[in-house]
Amino acid sequence: MPTIKRRFPRGALILGGLLLALLLLVPITSLISLTRLPMEQNPMGKVLPMPWAAQGSELPIIKQLQPNSVNEMQATLIHGGIHLENIYDLSLKDKTFSADGRFWLEWPEDLQKELEKQSLQPIQLIDFANQVTEWEGRLEADNAQAMQRGDKWYQSFNFSMQFNIHQLNLGRYPFNNLNLPITLAINPIHAGLMQRQILLLPARNQQGIIGEYANLDGYQLQSAQINPELRTYRTDYGLKRTIKASQLNINLKYSSSFWPAFIALLLPLIIILLIVLISPYLESSLGDIRIAIPSTAVLTLVFLQQGYVTNLPPSPYLTYLDRLYAVSYLICVSLFILFAWSSNVFERAPAELREKIVKRLDTYDRYFQLGAISLLFVISIEAWLH
C-alpha cells in the first residue's frame, strides 16, 4: 500500500512569515528609535522624582456594628430608616443604578442643641457615600424645620440619585446574582461633632424598606437588608485625628431571570455549536463546504460576543459566558484545521485508496465530535464552579 506524502504549502509559509513580520515591524522600529534618542529626550531613560506622598491600593476599613457593641453612654445615637420607592437605570457597563425614595432621622436633644450652636442643618450630617454625581441628584428635606417629638427630634428627606456599585461580581454572567448597595453615612467632617462618636443606627424591624416599583428588568428582587457599619478613614481630612464615621449599608439582592438570559445569550451560541459539531457528518468529498462551516462560525461568534461585551465593564476575570465562547473558538479553529488536513489527504489519495481513506477520516471526525462535546461539558462545569 503506497504512502501518501503531505507537504505544508510553501505559499502558506511565506504568507505567514510576512504577516508575522508586519505585526512585529511597529514595536521593533519604535524600540530602536527610542534607543537612539538622547538621554534627555528618551522617556525610558528619565528618572522620576520621589513622590511627597504615596499609597497603594487598599480596601476600606469597615466593621459591622453588633447590638451588644453599642454603648449609649459613650456615643450619640441617631436612628434612621429608609424607603426605596424606585430602582431603575441599571448599567452594568458603568456600574451604576438610580434610586428614588425617602429616609428619616431621629436624634436626641443634646445633638439638636449642638446643631443650633454651630448653625448646622441635620441634612449636613448625612452623605450618600456611593453617590455618583451630586449635580444630577436631588436631596431635599420634606419640612423646612425639624419636628420635636418628646425628647427626640425628627426630620425626613426625599432623594433621587445615581449610585455606584463598588463590587460587581459577574463570574456567572448572564446567570449572576446582583447586589445593589446604597450607603447612608455620617459626614466624616462632623463625625466628632459632640466630642464623641456619632452612631447612625437603623430602626429595629423596619417594615417597607422597598416599594412596589423596585424591580429591574431581567432580575427578580430577593431581599433588602440594612446593616450598621463603622468605617475608619485612611485620611484625617486635615483634622489631625483618626476619623471613624458610622454608616448604614442598604443592600438589595437580585437574582437573574434564567429563561430570558438563556434565550438571548446562550441559545444562539448553542445553535452555532450544534451546526459546527454536525458538520463532520458531511461527506469527505465535500471539502469546500466542510471548510466553510467552521470559518463562518468563527465570524458569527465574534459578532455575537461583541454584542454582549459592549454592555459589560472591563473585568480582570472571565465570565461564565466568556469561557464558553473561548472553548467555542477553540473547537471551531480545531475543526477548521481538521477539515483542511482531511481535505488535502482525500484529494491527494489515489482513486483506489479513497474508500479506505474516507473511513479513516470518518473515524477521526467521530473522535473530534466526542472530544469537543466532552471539552464543552468540562469547561461549562468548571466555569460555573470557578
Protein backbone atom coordinates (compact mmCIF):
# COMPACT_ATOMS: atom_id res chain seq x y z
CA MET A 1 0.00 0.00 0.00
CA PRO A 2 1.66 3.25 -1.11
CA THR A 3 2.01 6.01 1.46
CA ILE A 4 0.59 9.47 0.90
CA LYS A 5 3.07 12.25 1.49
CA ARG A 6 1.65 15.54 2.77
CA ARG A 7 3.60 18.74 2.49
CA PHE A 8 2.71 22.01 4.02
CA PRO A 9 2.11 24.54 1.18
CA ARG A 10 5.13 26.78 0.66
CA GLY A 11 2.89 29.74 -0.13
CA ALA A 12 1.23 29.48 3.26
CA LEU A 13 4.63 29.59 4.99
CA ILE A 14 5.64 32.69 3.03
CA LEU A 15 2.32 34.42 3.75
CA GLY A 16 2.51 33.58 7.46
CA GLY A 17 6.06 34.91 7.66
CA LEU A 18 5.05 38.19 6.00
CA LEU A 19 2.13 38.66 8.38
CA LEU A 20 4.34 37.99 11.42
CA ALA A 21 6.97 40.45 10.16
CA LEU A 22 4.29 43.10 9.63
CA LEU A 23 2.95 42.63 13.16
CA LEU A 24 6.43 42.95 14.69
CA LEU A 25 7.52 45.87 12.49
CA VAL A 26 5.91 48.67 14.51
CA PRO A 27 7.09 47.67 18.04
CA ILE A 28 10.62 46.86 16.85
CA THR A 29 11.06 50.13 14.96
CA SER A 30 9.64 52.10 17.91
CA LEU A 31 12.08 50.43 20.31
CA ILE A 32 15.04 51.14 18.01
CA SER A 33 14.05 54.80 17.64
CA LEU A 34 13.80 55.17 21.44
CA THR A 35 17.29 53.78 21.97
CA ARG A 36 18.74 56.32 19.51
CA LEU A 37 17.26 59.33 21.31
CA PRO A 38 19.45 61.44 23.64
CA MET A 39 19.02 60.72 27.34
CA GLU A 40 17.15 63.98 28.00
CA GLN A 41 14.64 63.19 25.26
CA ASN A 42 14.24 59.48 25.99
CA PRO A 43 11.16 58.90 28.20
CA MET A 44 12.50 55.48 29.20
CA GLY A 45 15.71 56.96 30.47
CA LYS A 46 14.24 59.65 32.72
CA VAL A 47 14.35 59.17 36.49
CA LEU A 48 11.03 60.05 38.07
CA PRO A 49 11.19 62.26 41.18
CA MET A 50 10.25 60.72 44.51
CA PRO A 51 6.60 61.49 45.42
CA TRP A 52 5.80 63.52 48.52
CA ALA A 53 3.09 61.01 49.41
CA ALA A 54 2.16 57.61 48.06
CA GLN A 55 -0.39 54.92 48.79
CA GLY A 56 -1.13 51.59 47.20
CA SER A 57 -4.50 50.05 46.53
CA GLU A 58 -6.18 49.20 49.83
CA LEU A 59 -9.65 48.06 50.83
CA PRO A 60 -11.70 50.32 53.14
CA ILE A 61 -11.59 49.53 56.85
CA ILE A 62 -15.23 48.72 57.66
CA LYS A 63 -16.53 46.92 60.75
CA GLN A 64 -20.12 45.82 61.12
CA LEU A 65 -21.75 47.01 64.32
CA GLN A 66 -23.37 44.47 66.62
CA PRO A 67 -26.18 45.33 69.05
CA ASN A 68 -24.04 44.46 72.08
CA SER A 69 -21.21 46.72 70.89
CA VAL A 70 -23.27 49.94 71.04
CA ASN A 71 -22.75 51.92 74.25
CA GLU A 72 -25.24 54.77 74.62
CA MET A 73 -23.12 56.35 77.35
CA GLN A 74 -20.09 56.71 75.05
CA ALA A 75 -21.82 57.62 71.77
CA THR A 76 -24.55 59.87 70.42
CA LEU A 77 -27.16 57.76 68.67
CA ILE A 78 -29.04 58.80 65.54
CA HIS A 79 -31.76 56.37 64.48
CA GLY A 80 -32.74 56.30 60.84
CA GLY A 81 -34.91 54.49 58.36
CA ILE A 82 -35.21 54.39 54.59
CA HIS A 83 -37.83 53.53 51.99
CA LEU A 84 -36.79 52.90 48.37
CA GLU A 85 -39.67 53.53 46.00
CA ASN A 86 -37.99 53.11 42.59
CA ILE A 87 -34.90 51.29 41.32
CA TYR A 88 -34.09 51.91 37.66
CA ASP A 89 -31.43 52.79 35.03
CA LEU A 90 -29.18 49.84 35.87
CA SER A 91 -25.96 49.97 33.81
CA LEU A 92 -23.58 47.07 34.28
CA LYS A 93 -21.08 48.74 31.95
CA ASP A 94 -20.89 51.92 34.06
CA LYS A 95 -21.53 50.03 37.34
CA THR A 96 -24.34 52.44 38.27
CA PHE A 97 -28.05 52.47 39.05
CA SER A 98 -30.58 55.08 40.10
CA ALA A 99 -32.96 55.10 43.06
CA ASP A 100 -35.76 57.29 44.41
CA GLY A 101 -37.06 57.25 47.95
CA ARG A 102 -37.06 58.77 51.41
CA PHE A 103 -35.05 58.46 54.59
CA TRP A 104 -35.67 59.89 58.02
CA LEU A 105 -33.58 60.65 61.08
CA GLU A 106 -34.30 60.84 64.80
CA TRP A 107 -31.74 62.35 67.17
CA PRO A 108 -31.56 63.41 70.85
CA GLU A 109 -31.95 66.87 72.36
CA ASP A 110 -28.26 67.40 73.13
CA LEU A 111 -27.35 66.89 69.45
CA GLN A 112 -30.06 69.37 68.41
CA LYS A 113 -28.56 71.98 70.72
CA GLU A 114 -25.13 71.40 69.20
CA LEU A 115 -26.54 71.76 65.68
CA GLU A 116 -28.18 75.07 66.62
CA LYS A 117 -24.98 76.24 68.27
CA GLN A 118 -22.92 75.61 65.14
CA SER A 119 -25.67 76.74 62.72
CA LEU A 120 -25.86 73.32 61.05
CA GLN A 121 -28.83 71.65 59.43
CA PRO A 122 -29.45 67.92 60.03
CA ILE A 123 -29.06 67.27 56.32
CA GLN A 124 -25.44 68.43 56.59
CA LEU A 125 -24.69 65.47 58.88
CA ILE A 126 -25.52 62.92 56.17
CA ASP A 127 -23.75 61.81 52.99
CA PHE A 128 -24.53 59.14 50.41
CA ALA A 129 -21.09 57.53 50.30
CA ASN A 130 -21.56 55.82 46.91
CA GLN A 131 -23.37 58.66 45.19
CA VAL A 132 -22.02 59.17 41.65
CA THR A 133 -22.67 62.84 40.82
CA GLU A 134 -24.17 65.42 43.14
CA TRP A 135 -25.37 67.85 40.46
CA GLU A 136 -27.60 65.22 38.83
CA GLY A 137 -29.22 64.10 42.09
CA ARG A 138 -31.82 65.57 44.39
CA LEU A 139 -31.78 65.62 48.19
CA GLU A 140 -34.39 67.76 49.89
CA ALA A 141 -35.99 67.98 53.31
CA ASP A 142 -39.73 67.31 53.41
CA ASN A 143 -40.15 70.06 56.04
CA ALA A 144 -38.13 73.23 56.37
CA GLN A 145 -37.56 72.63 60.10
CA ALA A 146 -37.12 69.51 62.19
CA MET A 147 -40.01 68.46 64.42
CA GLN A 148 -39.71 67.75 68.15
CA ARG A 149 -41.36 64.56 69.38
CA GLY A 150 -40.94 64.24 73.12
CA ASP A 151 -37.23 64.26 73.92
CA LYS A 152 -36.32 63.45 70.30
CA TRP A 153 -36.09 65.44 67.08
CA TYR A 154 -37.28 64.12 63.72
CA GLN A 155 -36.94 65.09 60.07
CA SER A 156 -37.46 63.25 56.77
CA PHE A 157 -35.82 63.77 53.38
CA ASN A 158 -36.62 62.72 49.82
CA PHE A 159 -33.92 61.89 47.30
CA SER A 160 -33.40 60.86 43.70
CA MET A 161 -29.81 59.87 42.93
CA GLN A 162 -27.48 57.73 40.89
CA PHE A 163 -25.33 55.29 42.86
CA ASN A 164 -22.14 53.38 42.16
CA ILE A 165 -21.84 49.60 42.51
CA HIS A 166 -18.44 49.19 44.22
CA GLN A 167 -18.22 45.41 43.87
CA LEU A 168 -19.78 43.78 40.83
CA ASN A 169 -19.29 40.02 40.54
CA LEU A 170 -20.04 38.85 37.00
CA GLY A 171 -18.31 35.48 37.29
CA ARG A 172 -21.55 33.63 36.39
CA TYR A 173 -22.86 36.12 33.86
CA PRO A 174 -25.54 36.01 32.49
CA PHE A 175 -26.88 33.98 35.44
CA ASN A 176 -25.21 36.07 38.13
CA ASN A 177 -26.86 37.45 41.23
CA LEU A 178 -26.75 41.20 41.71
CA ASN A 179 -26.14 43.19 44.91
CA LEU A 180 -27.02 46.89 44.74
CA PRO A 181 -25.68 48.94 47.68
CA ILE A 182 -26.80 52.32 48.99
CA THR A 183 -24.59 53.66 51.77
CA LEU A 184 -26.02 56.37 54.02
CA ALA A 185 -23.14 57.71 56.12
CA ILE A 186 -22.35 60.35 58.71
CA ASN A 187 -20.33 63.15 57.15
CA PRO A 188 -16.74 62.39 58.25
CA ILE A 189 -16.08 66.07 58.98
CA HIS A 190 -18.91 66.11 61.53
CA ALA A 191 -18.33 62.59 62.89
CA GLY A 192 -16.83 64.08 66.09
CA LEU A 193 -19.31 66.91 66.46
CA MET A 194 -20.24 66.02 70.04
CA GLN A 195 -16.63 65.29 71.05
CA ARG A 196 -17.65 61.66 71.00
CA GLN A 197 -18.69 59.12 68.39
CA ILE A 198 -21.95 59.71 66.49
CA LEU A 199 -23.53 56.38 65.54
CA LEU A 200 -26.16 56.03 62.82
CA LEU A 201 -28.36 53.03 63.65
CA PRO A 202 -31.35 51.57 61.78
CA ALA A 203 -34.81 51.31 63.22
CA ARG A 204 -35.45 47.89 64.69
CA ASN A 205 -37.52 45.55 62.46
CA GLN A 206 -38.32 48.28 59.96
CA GLN A 207 -41.05 47.37 57.50
CA GLY A 208 -41.31 48.56 53.91
CA ILE A 209 -37.65 49.05 53.04
CA ILE A 210 -38.50 48.65 49.37
CA GLY A 211 -41.55 49.79 47.44
CA GLU A 212 -43.66 48.25 44.70
CA TYR A 213 -41.55 49.70 41.87
CA ALA A 214 -38.14 48.45 42.95
CA ASN A 215 -37.94 45.72 40.30
CA LEU A 216 -35.40 45.58 37.48
CA ASP A 217 -35.95 44.14 34.02
CA GLY A 218 -34.23 40.77 33.75
CA TYR A 219 -33.82 40.41 37.53
CA GLN A 220 -36.03 39.35 40.42
CA LEU A 221 -35.84 41.09 43.79
CA GLN A 222 -34.98 38.63 46.57
CA SER A 223 -34.43 40.71 49.69
CA ALA A 224 -33.36 44.02 51.18
CA GLN A 225 -31.19 44.37 54.27
CA ILE A 226 -29.93 47.27 56.39
CA ASN A 227 -26.67 46.80 58.29
CA PRO A 228 -25.00 49.42 60.53
CA GLU A 229 -21.25 49.76 60.00
CA LEU A 230 -18.34 51.78 61.31
CA ARG A 231 -15.79 52.95 58.76
CA THR A 232 -12.28 54.04 59.69
CA TYR A 233 -10.92 56.52 57.15
CA ARG A 234 -7.32 56.34 55.97
CA THR A 235 -7.17 60.13 55.86
CA ASP A 236 -7.70 62.69 58.61
CA TYR A 237 -9.03 65.44 56.27
CA GLY A 238 -6.53 67.78 57.91
CA LEU A 239 -8.17 67.45 61.35
CA LYS A 240 -5.12 65.73 62.91
CA ARG A 241 -7.12 62.85 64.37
CA THR A 242 -8.39 59.43 63.38
CA ILE A 243 -11.80 59.68 61.77
CA LYS A 244 -14.39 56.97 62.29
CA ALA A 245 -17.79 57.52 60.70
CA SER A 246 -20.92 55.46 61.17
CA GLN A 247 -22.94 54.40 58.14
CA LEU A 248 -25.98 52.35 57.11
CA ASN A 249 -25.42 49.87 54.29
CA ILE A 250 -28.67 49.13 52.45
CA ASN A 251 -28.12 46.04 50.29
CA LEU A 252 -30.64 44.99 47.64
CA LYS A 253 -30.25 41.42 46.41
CA TYR A 254 -31.49 40.45 42.94
CA SER A 255 -31.34 37.14 41.10
CA SER A 256 -31.24 36.88 37.32
CA SER A 257 -34.18 35.58 35.29
CA PHE A 258 -33.00 32.32 33.75
CA TRP A 259 -35.06 31.94 30.57
CA PRO A 260 -34.69 35.48 29.17
CA ALA A 261 -30.92 35.31 29.70
CA PHE A 262 -30.72 31.81 28.23
CA ILE A 263 -32.69 32.64 25.08
CA ALA A 264 -30.99 35.97 24.47
CA LEU A 265 -27.35 34.98 25.10
CA LEU A 266 -26.89 31.21 25.26
CA LEU A 267 -29.33 29.86 22.68
CA PRO A 268 -27.57 31.50 19.66
CA LEU A 269 -24.24 30.09 20.85
CA ILE A 270 -25.72 26.60 21.28
CA ILE A 271 -27.24 26.66 17.76
CA ILE A 272 -23.90 27.64 16.19
CA LEU A 273 -22.07 24.90 18.09
CA LEU A 274 -24.67 22.33 17.02
CA ILE A 275 -24.14 23.26 13.36
CA VAL A 276 -20.37 23.07 13.81
CA LEU A 277 -20.46 19.69 15.55
CA ILE A 278 -22.87 18.22 12.98
CA SER A 279 -20.71 19.36 10.04
CA PRO A 280 -18.30 16.34 10.29
CA TYR A 281 -21.20 14.17 9.10
CA LEU A 282 -20.83 15.74 5.65
CA GLU A 283 -19.04 13.56 3.12
CA SER A 284 -15.26 13.98 2.97
CA SER A 285 -15.59 14.70 -0.75
CA LEU A 286 -17.41 17.95 0.10
CA GLY A 287 -14.21 19.57 1.29
CA ASP A 288 -15.06 23.14 0.27
CA ILE A 289 -18.37 23.09 2.12
CA ARG A 290 -16.86 21.48 5.22
CA ILE A 291 -14.07 24.07 5.45
CA ALA A 292 -16.51 26.97 5.07
CA ILE A 293 -18.61 25.97 8.10
CA PRO A 294 -16.09 26.49 10.98
CA SER A 295 -14.68 29.70 9.44
CA THR A 296 -18.19 31.16 9.08
CA ALA A 297 -18.99 30.06 12.64
CA VAL A 298 -15.94 31.91 13.99
CA LEU A 299 -17.04 35.18 12.37
CA THR A 300 -20.56 34.73 13.75
CA LEU A 301 -19.18 34.06 17.24
CA VAL A 302 -17.11 37.24 17.10
CA PHE A 303 -20.18 39.37 16.34
CA LEU A 304 -22.27 37.62 18.98
CA GLN A 305 -19.62 38.10 21.65
CA GLN A 306 -19.13 41.76 20.84
CA GLY A 307 -22.87 42.21 21.23
CA TYR A 308 -22.84 41.39 24.96
CA VAL A 309 -19.29 42.51 25.83
CA THR A 310 -20.19 46.13 24.99
CA ASN A 311 -22.73 46.06 27.83
CA LEU A 312 -20.23 44.88 30.46
CA PRO A 313 -17.41 46.72 32.27
CA PRO A 314 -13.76 45.72 31.75
CA SER A 315 -13.01 42.80 34.03
CA PRO A 316 -9.80 41.11 35.23
CA TYR A 317 -11.51 37.71 35.09
CA LEU A 318 -13.53 35.70 32.57
CA THR A 319 -17.27 35.39 32.97
CA TYR A 320 -19.16 32.13 32.52
CA LEU A 321 -20.18 33.20 29.03
CA ASP A 322 -16.61 34.28 28.17
CA ARG A 323 -15.33 30.79 28.94
CA LEU A 324 -17.99 29.19 26.77
CA TYR A 325 -17.05 31.47 23.89
CA ALA A 326 -13.35 30.73 24.38
CA VAL A 327 -13.87 26.98 24.12
CA SER A 328 -16.20 27.54 21.14
CA TYR A 329 -13.43 29.42 19.33
CA LEU A 330 -11.04 26.57 20.08
CA ILE A 331 -13.49 23.98 18.71
CA CYS A 332 -14.11 25.96 15.51
CA VAL A 333 -10.42 26.57 14.82
CA SER A 334 -9.53 22.95 15.57
CA LEU A 335 -12.29 21.72 13.28
CA PHE A 336 -11.08 24.03 10.50
CA ILE A 337 -7.59 22.55 10.80
CA LEU A 338 -9.01 19.02 10.79
CA PHE A 339 -11.11 19.72 7.69
CA ALA A 340 -8.19 21.36 5.87
CA TRP A 341 -5.94 18.39 6.62
CA SER A 342 -8.56 15.76 5.73
CA SER A 343 -9.42 17.58 2.50
CA ASN A 344 -5.78 17.54 1.41
CA VAL A 345 -5.48 13.85 2.31
CA PHE A 346 -8.61 12.98 0.33
CA GLU A 347 -7.65 14.98 -2.76
CA ARG A 348 -4.12 13.57 -2.93
CA ALA A 349 -5.11 9.96 -2.32
CA PRO A 350 -5.20 7.61 -5.34
CA ALA A 351 -8.69 6.69 -6.52
CA GLU A 352 -8.36 3.07 -5.42
CA LEU A 353 -7.49 4.10 -1.83
CA ARG A 354 -10.10 6.79 -1.28
CA GLU A 355 -12.69 4.47 0.20
CA LYS A 356 -10.30 3.36 2.95
CA ILE A 357 -9.14 6.95 3.48
CA VAL A 358 -12.74 8.11 3.88
CA LYS A 359 -13.42 5.50 6.58
CA ARG A 360 -10.30 6.55 8.46
CA LEU A 361 -11.22 10.24 8.20
CA ASP A 362 -14.74 9.49 9.41
CA THR A 363 -13.22 7.84 12.47
CA TYR A 364 -11.18 10.98 13.16
CA ASP A 365 -14.34 13.08 12.79
CA ARG A 366 -16.21 10.95 15.36
CA TYR A 367 -13.30 11.24 17.80
CA PHE A 368 -13.30 15.00 17.32
CA GLN A 369 -17.02 15.26 17.99
CA LEU A 370 -16.75 13.24 21.21
CA GLY A 371 -13.73 15.25 22.34
CA ALA A 372 -15.41 18.58 21.61
CA ILE A 373 -18.59 17.63 23.48
CA SER A 374 -16.54 16.38 26.45
CA LEU A 375 -14.50 19.60 26.47
CA LEU A 376 -17.65 21.72 26.40
CA PHE A 377 -19.11 19.78 29.33
CA VAL A 378 -15.95 20.05 31.44
CA ILE A 379 -15.43 23.76 30.73
CA SER A 380 -19.06 24.63 31.44
CA ILE A 381 -18.95 22.85 34.82
CA GLU A 382 -15.55 24.37 35.68
CA ALA A 383 -16.70 27.87 34.68
CA TRP A 384 -19.83 27.58 36.83
CA LEU A 385 -17.92 26.36 39.88
CA HIS A 386 -14.98 28.75 39.45
